[in-house]
PDB file of N, CA and C in Angstrom:
ATOM      1  N   MET A   1       0.849  -1.166   0.000  1.00  0.00           N
ATOM      2  CA  MET A   1       0.000   0.000   0.000  1.00  0.00           C
ATOM      3  C   MET A   1       0.901   1.237   0.000  1.00  0.00           C
ATOM      4  N   VAL A   2       0.477   2.265  -0.725  1.00  0.00           N
ATOM      5  CA  VAL A   2       1.300   3.471  -0.783  1.00  0.00           C
ATOM      6  C   VAL A   2       1.212   4.242   0.529  1.00  0.00           C
ATOM      7  N   LYS A   3       2.243   4.991   0.778  1.00  0.00           N
ATOM      8  CA  LYS A   3       2.373   5.700   2.056  1.00  0.00           C
ATOM      9  C   LYS A   3       1.200   6.653   2.318  1.00  0.00           C
ATOM     10  N   THR A   4       0.748   7.358   1.300  1.00  0.00           N
ATOM     11  CA  THR A   4      -0.343   8.315   1.480  1.00  0.00           C
ATOM     12  C   THR A   4      -1.620   7.609   1.919  1.00  0.00           C
ATOM     13  N   LEU A   5      -1.923   6.481   1.291  1.00  0.00           N
ATOM     14  CA  LEU A   5      -3.117   5.727   1.668  1.00  0.00           C
ATOM     15  C   LEU A   5      -2.979   5.176   3.086  1.00  0.00           C
ATOM     16  N   GLU A   6      -1.804   4.716   3.441  1.00  0.00           N
ATOM     17  CA  GLU A   6      -1.576   4.239   4.810  1.00  0.00           C
ATOM     18  C   GLU A   6      -1.819   5.352   5.816  1.00  0.00           C
ATOM     19  N   GLN A   7      -1.337   6.554   5.516  1.00  0.00           N
ATOM     20  CA  GLN A   7      -1.545   7.694   6.412  1.00  0.00           C
ATOM     21  C   GLN A   7      -3.026   8.041   6.525  1.00  0.00           C
ATOM     22  N   ALA A   8      -3.727   7.990   5.404  1.00  0.00           N
ATOM     23  CA  ALA A   8      -5.157   8.284   5.419  1.00  0.00           C
ATOM     24  C   ALA A   8      -5.915   7.270   6.270  1.00  0.00           C
ATOM     25  N   ILE A   9      -5.542   6.004   6.176  1.00  0.00           N
ATOM     26  CA  ILE A   9      -6.210   4.963   6.958  1.00  0.00           C
ATOM     27  C   ILE A   9      -5.953   5.160   8.450  1.00  0.00           C
ATOM     28  N   VAL A  10      -4.745   5.558   8.808  1.00  0.00           N
ATOM     29  CA  VAL A  10      -4.440   5.841  10.217  1.00  0.00           C
ATOM     30  C   VAL A  10      -5.340   6.967  10.717  1.00  0.00           C
ATOM     31  N   GLN A  11      -5.442   8.025   9.930  1.00  0.00           N
ATOM     32  CA  GLN A  11      -6.304   9.147  10.325  1.00  0.00           C
ATOM     33  C   GLN A  11      -7.766   8.719  10.402  1.00  0.00           C
ATOM     34  N   LEU A  12      -8.184   7.941   9.435  1.00  0.00           N
ATOM     35  CA  LEU A  12      -9.561   7.452   9.389  1.00  0.00           C
ATOM     36  C   LEU A  12      -9.886   6.609  10.620  1.00  0.00           C
ATOM     37  N   SER A  13      -8.935   5.807  11.070  1.00  0.00           N
ATOM     38  CA  SER A  13      -9.178   4.926  12.211  1.00  0.00           C
ATOM     39  C   SER A  13      -9.446   5.706  13.492  1.00  0.00           C
ATOM     40  N   ARG A  14      -9.116   6.964  13.507  1.00  0.00           N
ATOM     41  CA  ARG A  14      -9.331   7.808  14.687  1.00  0.00           C
ATOM     42  C   ARG A  14     -10.716   8.449  14.702  1.00  0.00           C
ATOM     43  N   LEU A  15     -11.443   8.303  13.612  1.00  0.00           N
ATOM     44  CA  LEU A  15     -12.781   8.891  13.522  1.00  0.00           C
ATOM     45  C   LEU A  15     -13.822   7.952  14.117  1.00  0.00           C
ATOM     46  N   PRO A  16     -14.995   8.498  14.450  1.00  0.00           N
ATOM     47  CA  PRO A  16     -16.088   7.627  14.932  1.00  0.00           C
ATOM     48  C   PRO A  16     -16.472   6.597  13.867  1.00  0.00           C
ATOM     49  N   ASP A  17     -17.016   5.472  14.329  1.00  0.00           N
ATOM     50  CA  ASP A  17     -17.375   4.377  13.430  1.00  0.00           C
ATOM     51  C   ASP A  17     -18.294   4.822  12.299  1.00  0.00           C
ATOM     52  N   ALA A  18     -19.279   5.645  12.596  1.00  0.00           N
ATOM     53  CA  ALA A  18     -20.223   6.081  11.565  1.00  0.00           C
ATOM     54  C   ALA A  18     -19.504   6.841  10.455  1.00  0.00           C
ATOM     55  N   ASP A  19     -18.555   7.686  10.826  1.00  0.00           N
ATOM     56  CA  ASP A  19     -17.783   8.427   9.824  1.00  0.00           C
ATOM     57  C   ASP A  19     -16.904   7.488   9.010  1.00  0.00           C
ATOM     58  N   GLN A  20     -16.300   6.517   9.679  1.00  0.00           N
ATOM     59  CA  GLN A  20     -15.480   5.535   8.974  1.00  0.00           C
ATOM     60  C   GLN A  20     -16.324   4.772   7.953  1.00  0.00           C
ATOM     61  N   GLU A  21     -17.511   4.381   8.353  1.00  0.00           N
ATOM     62  CA  GLU A  21     -18.404   3.635   7.463  1.00  0.00           C
ATOM     63  C   GLU A  21     -18.773   4.474   6.243  1.00  0.00           C
ATOM     64  N   GLN A  22     -19.117   5.720   6.470  1.00  0.00           N
ATOM     65  CA  GLN A  22     -19.508   6.606   5.365  1.00  0.00           C
ATOM     66  C   GLN A  22     -18.342   6.827   4.394  1.00  0.00           C
ATOM     67  N   ILE A  23     -17.179   7.091   4.929  1.00  0.00           N
ATOM     68  CA  ILE A  23     -16.003   7.300   4.088  1.00  0.00           C
ATOM     69  C   ILE A  23     -15.642   6.012   3.355  1.00  0.00           C
ATOM     70  N   GLY A  24     -15.748   4.892   4.028  1.00  0.00           N
ATOM     71  CA  GLY A  24     -15.463   3.606   3.394  1.00  0.00           C
ATOM     72  C   GLY A  24     -16.391   3.338   2.212  1.00  0.00           C
ATOM     73  N   ARG A  25     -17.694   3.633   2.390  1.00  0.00           N
ATOM     74  CA  ARG A  25     -18.647   3.434   1.289  1.00  0.00           C
ATOM     75  C   ARG A  25     -18.319   4.344   0.105  1.00  0.00           C
ATOM     76  N   LYS A  26     -17.973   5.592   0.397  1.00  0.00           N
ATOM     77  CA  LYS A  26     -17.624   6.526  -0.684  1.00  0.00           C
ATOM     78  C   LYS A  26     -16.356   6.077  -1.403  1.00  0.00           C
ATOM     79  N   LEU A  27     -15.375   5.614  -0.652  1.00  0.00           N
ATOM     80  CA  LEU A  27     -14.124   5.155  -1.256  1.00  0.00           C
ATOM     81  C   LEU A  27     -14.364   3.932  -2.135  1.00  0.00           C
ATOM     82  N   LEU A  28     -15.155   2.978  -1.651  1.00  0.00           N
ATOM     83  CA  LEU A  28     -15.468   1.797  -2.453  1.00  0.00           C
ATOM     84  C   LEU A  28     -16.204   2.171  -3.736  1.00  0.00           C
ATOM     85  N   SER A  29     -17.137   3.098  -3.629  1.00  0.00           N
ATOM     86  CA  SER A  29     -17.871   3.552  -4.807  1.00  0.00           C
ATOM     87  C   SER A  29     -16.916   4.175  -5.820  1.00  0.00           C
ATOM     88  N   HIS A  30     -15.996   4.985  -5.338  1.00  0.00           N
ATOM     89  CA  HIS A  30     -15.020   5.639  -6.215  1.00  0.00           C
ATOM     90  C   HIS A  30     -14.145   4.594  -6.912  1.00  0.00           C
ATOM     91  N   VAL A  31     -13.682   3.610  -6.160  1.00  0.00           N
ATOM     92  CA  VAL A  31     -12.834   2.564  -6.729  1.00  0.00           C
ATOM     93  C   VAL A  31     -13.605   1.761  -7.778  1.00  0.00           C
ATOM     94  N   GLU A  32     -14.872   1.465  -7.492  1.00  0.00           N
ATOM     95  CA  GLU A  32     -15.697   0.738  -8.468  1.00  0.00           C
ATOM     96  C   GLU A  32     -15.853   1.540  -9.760  1.00  0.00           C
ATOM     97  N   LYS A  33     -16.054   2.836  -9.639  1.00  0.00           N
ATOM     98  CA  LYS A  33     -16.173   3.690 -10.829  1.00  0.00           C
ATOM     99  C   LYS A  33     -14.868   3.716 -11.613  1.00  0.00           C
ATOM    100  N   LEU A  34     -13.745   3.796 -10.914  1.00  0.00           N
ATOM    101  CA  LEU A  34     -12.444   3.774 -11.591  1.00  0.00           C
ATOM    102  C   LEU A  34     -12.229   2.458 -12.323  1.00  0.00           C
ATOM    103  N   ASN A  35     -12.582   1.355 -11.674  1.00  0.00           N
ATOM    104  CA  ASN A  35     -12.427   0.043 -12.314  1.00  0.00           C
ATOM    105  C   ASN A  35     -13.299  -0.076 -13.555  1.00  0.00           C
ATOM    106  N   ALA A  36     -14.533   0.430 -13.480  1.00  0.00           N
ATOM    107  CA  ALA A  36     -15.432   0.384 -14.636  1.00  0.00           C
ATOM    108  C   ALA A  36     -14.879   1.244 -15.770  1.00  0.00           C
ATOM    109  N   LEU A  37     -14.354   2.414 -15.431  1.00  0.00           N
ATOM    110  CA  LEU A  37     -13.776   3.296 -16.443  1.00  0.00           C
ATOM    111  C   LEU A  37     -12.565   2.642 -17.100  1.00  0.00           C
ATOM    112  N   ARG A  38     -11.714   2.029 -16.302  1.00  0.00           N
ATOM    113  CA  ARG A  38     -10.541   1.343 -16.866  1.00  0.00           C
ATOM    114  C   ARG A  38     -10.963   0.211 -17.799  1.00  0.00           C
ATOM    115  N   ALA A  39     -12.013  -0.505 -17.418  1.00  0.00           N
ATOM    116  CA  ALA A  39     -12.507  -1.600 -18.266  1.00  0.00           C
ATOM    117  C   ALA A  39     -13.017  -1.058 -19.594  1.00  0.00           C
ATOM    118  N   GLU A  40     -13.727   0.065 -19.564  1.00  0.00           N
ATOM    119  CA  GLU A  40     -14.231   0.674 -20.797  1.00  0.00           C
ATOM    120  C   GLU A  40     -13.089   1.184 -21.670  1.00  0.00           C
ATOM    121  N   ILE A  41     -12.078   1.759 -21.049  1.00  0.00           N
ATOM    122  CA  ILE A  41     -10.908   2.233 -21.798  1.00  0.00           C
ATOM    123  C   ILE A  41     -10.202   1.049 -22.462  1.00  0.00           C
ATOM    124  N   ASP A  42     -10.018  -0.038 -21.704  1.00  0.00           N
ATOM    125  CA  ASP A  42      -9.380  -1.237 -22.264  1.00  0.00           C
ATOM    126  C   ASP A  42     -10.198  -1.786 -23.430  1.00  0.00           C
ATOM    127  N   LYS A  43     -11.507  -1.780 -23.284  1.00  0.00           N
ATOM    128  CA  LYS A  43     -12.395  -2.249 -24.354  1.00  0.00           C
ATOM    129  C   LYS A  43     -12.224  -1.384 -25.603  1.00  0.00           C
ATOM    130  N   GLY A  44     -12.155  -0.074 -25.404  1.00  0.00           N
ATOM    131  CA  GLY A  44     -11.961   0.832 -26.532  1.00  0.00           C
ATOM    132  C   GLY A  44     -10.617   0.635 -27.208  1.00  0.00           C
ATOM    133  N   ILE A  45      -9.587   0.431 -26.418  1.00  0.00           N
ATOM    134  CA  ILE A  45      -8.252   0.209 -26.983  1.00  0.00           C
ATOM    135  C   ILE A  45      -8.229  -1.076 -27.797  1.00  0.00           C
ATOM    136  N   ARG A  46      -8.854  -2.137 -27.267  1.00  0.00           N
ATOM    137  CA  ARG A  46      -8.910  -3.403 -28.015  1.00  0.00           C
ATOM    138  C   ARG A  46      -9.662  -3.208 -29.329  1.00  0.00           C
ATOM    139  N   SER A  47     -10.727  -2.425 -29.303  1.00  0.00           N
ATOM    140  CA  SER A  47     -11.505  -2.149 -30.508  1.00  0.00           C
ATOM    141  C   SER A  47     -10.657  -1.401 -31.537  1.00  0.00           C
ATOM    142  N   LEU A  48      -9.916  -0.399 -31.077  1.00  0.00           N
ATOM    143  CA  LEU A  48      -9.045   0.350 -31.981  1.00  0.00           C
ATOM    144  C   LEU A  48      -7.934  -0.534 -32.529  1.00  0.00           C
ATOM    145  N   ASP A  49      -7.354  -1.365 -31.647  1.00  0.00           N
ATOM    146  CA  ASP A  49      -6.297  -2.273 -32.095  1.00  0.00           C
ATOM    147  C   ASP A  49      -6.806  -3.260 -33.144  1.00  0.00           C
ATOM    148  N   ALA A  50      -8.095  -3.592 -33.080  1.00  0.00           N
ATOM    149  CA  ALA A  50      -8.691  -4.521 -34.046  1.00  0.00           C
ATOM    150  C   ALA A  50      -9.117  -3.813 -35.325  1.00  0.00           C
ATOM    151  N   GLY A  51      -8.832  -2.512 -35.417  1.00  0.00           N
ATOM    152  CA  GLY A  51      -9.159  -1.756 -36.630  1.00  0.00           C
ATOM    153  C   GLY A  51     -10.611  -1.346 -36.728  1.00  0.00           C
ATOM    154  N   LYS A  52     -11.312  -1.331 -35.623  1.00  0.00           N
ATOM    155  CA  LYS A  52     -12.736  -0.998 -35.650  1.00  0.00           C
ATOM    156  C   LYS A  52     -13.008   0.493 -35.423  1.00  0.00           C
ATOM    157  N   GLY A  53     -11.971   1.290 -35.330  1.00  0.00           N
ATOM    158  CA  GLY A  53     -12.138   2.720 -35.103  1.00  0.00           C
ATOM    159  C   GLY A  53     -12.498   3.448 -36.384  1.00  0.00           C
ATOM    160  N   SER A  54     -12.997   4.657 -36.230  1.00  0.00           N
ATOM    161  CA  SER A  54     -13.294   5.497 -37.386  1.00  0.00           C
ATOM    162  C   SER A  54     -12.910   6.934 -37.058  1.00  0.00           C
ATOM    163  N   ALA A  55     -12.728   7.716 -38.098  1.00  0.00           N
ATOM    164  CA  ALA A  55     -12.349   9.117 -37.921  1.00  0.00           C
ATOM    165  C   ALA A  55     -13.483   9.878 -37.246  1.00  0.00           C
ATOM    166  N   LEU A  56     -13.121  10.862 -36.446  1.00  0.00           N
ATOM    167  CA  LEU A  56     -14.094  11.680 -35.745  1.00  0.00           C
ATOM    168  C   LEU A  56     -13.954  13.120 -36.210  1.00  0.00           C
ATOM    169  N   ASP A  57     -15.065  13.671 -36.672  1.00  0.00           N
ATOM    170  CA  ASP A  57     -15.089  15.097 -37.015  1.00  0.00           C
ATOM    171  C   ASP A  57     -15.410  15.849 -35.735  1.00  0.00           C
ATOM    172  N   ILE A  58     -14.386  16.373 -35.083  1.00  0.00           N
ATOM    173  CA  ILE A  58     -14.549  16.980 -33.766  1.00  0.00           C
ATOM    174  C   ILE A  58     -15.477  18.192 -33.811  1.00  0.00           C
ATOM    175  N   GLU A  59     -15.416  18.969 -34.877  1.00  0.00           N
ATOM    176  CA  GLU A  59     -16.294  20.139 -34.984  1.00  0.00           C
ATOM    177  C   GLU A  59     -17.757  19.711 -35.042  1.00  0.00           C
ATOM    178  N   ASP A  60     -18.051  18.672 -35.810  1.00  0.00           N
ATOM    179  CA  ASP A  60     -19.417  18.159 -35.896  1.00  0.00           C
ATOM    180  C   ASP A  60     -19.854  17.594 -34.543  1.00  0.00           C
ATOM    181  N   PHE A  61     -18.983  16.869 -33.902  1.00  0.00           N
ATOM    182  CA  PHE A  61     -19.285  16.285 -32.592  1.00  0.00           C
ATOM    183  C   PHE A  61     -19.627  17.379 -31.588  1.00  0.00           C
ATOM    184  N   LEU A  62     -18.788  18.411 -31.512  1.00  0.00           N
ATOM    185  CA  LEU A  62     -19.029  19.503 -30.570  1.00  0.00           C
ATOM    186  C   LEU A  62     -20.298  20.267 -30.909  1.00  0.00           C
ATOM    187  N   SER A  63     -20.537  20.461 -32.175  1.00  0.00           N
ATOM    188  CA  SER A  63     -21.750  21.146 -32.611  1.00  0.00           C
ATOM    189  C   SER A  63     -22.995  20.389 -32.169  1.00  0.00           C
ATOM    190  N   ARG A  64     -22.982  19.075 -32.354  1.00  0.00           N
ATOM    191  CA  ARG A  64     -24.136  18.256 -31.951  1.00  0.00           C
ATOM    192  C   ARG A  64     -24.305  18.270 -30.441  1.00  0.00           C
ATOM    193  N   LYS A  65     -23.219  18.258 -29.714  1.00  0.00           N
ATOM    194  CA  LYS A  65     -23.312  18.308 -28.234  1.00  0.00           C
ATOM    195  C   LYS A  65     -23.902  19.632 -27.792  1.00  0.00           C
ATOM    196  N   LYS A  66     -23.463  20.712 -28.401  1.00  0.00           N
ATOM    197  CA  LYS A  66     -23.954  22.034 -28.024  1.00  0.00           C
ATOM    198  C   LYS A  66     -25.430  22.208 -28.348  1.00  0.00           C
ATOM    199  N   SER A  67     -25.877  21.593 -29.437  1.00  0.00           N
ATOM    200  CA  SER A  67     -27.279  21.750 -29.848  1.00  0.00           C
ATOM    201  C   SER A  67     -28.198  20.807 -29.080  1.00  0.00           C
ATOM    202  N   GLY A  68     -27.635  19.873 -28.309  1.00  0.00           N
ATOM    203  CA  GLY A  68     -28.440  18.979 -27.513  1.00  0.00           C
ATOM    204  C   GLY A  68     -28.791  17.679 -28.174  1.00  0.00           C
ATOM    205  N   HIS A  69     -28.355  17.461 -29.401  1.00  0.00           N
ATOM    206  CA  HIS A  69     -28.628  16.203 -30.101  1.00  0.00           C
ATOM    207  C   HIS A  69     -27.575  15.170 -29.729  1.00  0.00           C
ATOM    208  N   GLY A  70     -28.038  14.041 -29.261  1.00  0.00           N
ATOM    209  CA  GLY A  70     -27.101  12.974 -28.865  1.00  0.00           C
ATOM    210  C   GLY A  70     -26.244  13.395 -27.710  1.00  0.00           C
ATOM    211  N   GLY A  71     -26.716  14.364 -26.976  1.00  0.00           N
ATOM    212  CA  GLY A  71     -25.890  14.932 -25.925  1.00  0.00           C
ATOM    213  C   GLY A  71     -26.109  14.334 -24.573  1.00  0.00           C
ATOM    214  N   VAL A  72     -25.439  14.911 -23.655  1.00  0.00           N
ATOM    215  CA  VAL A  72     -25.461  14.468 -22.273  1.00  0.00           C
ATOM    216  C   VAL A  72     -26.624  15.065 -21.551  1.00  0.00           C
TER     217      VAL A  72
END
């Protein structure tokens, strides 16, 4: 374990149990999100390596995002 995480755990152990539980749940959620993101990135890299990628017109992409079509 890296030194910073070890220090954080020492500090965390000094907090009340309820706070430790809440922080632990948030940390686990964050780690799960990171793992899912890494899996998606790996999937994308494998797709590109297999030649399944295509060119992206960034101006068109940004325009569509700004107009709300296919957007977030």
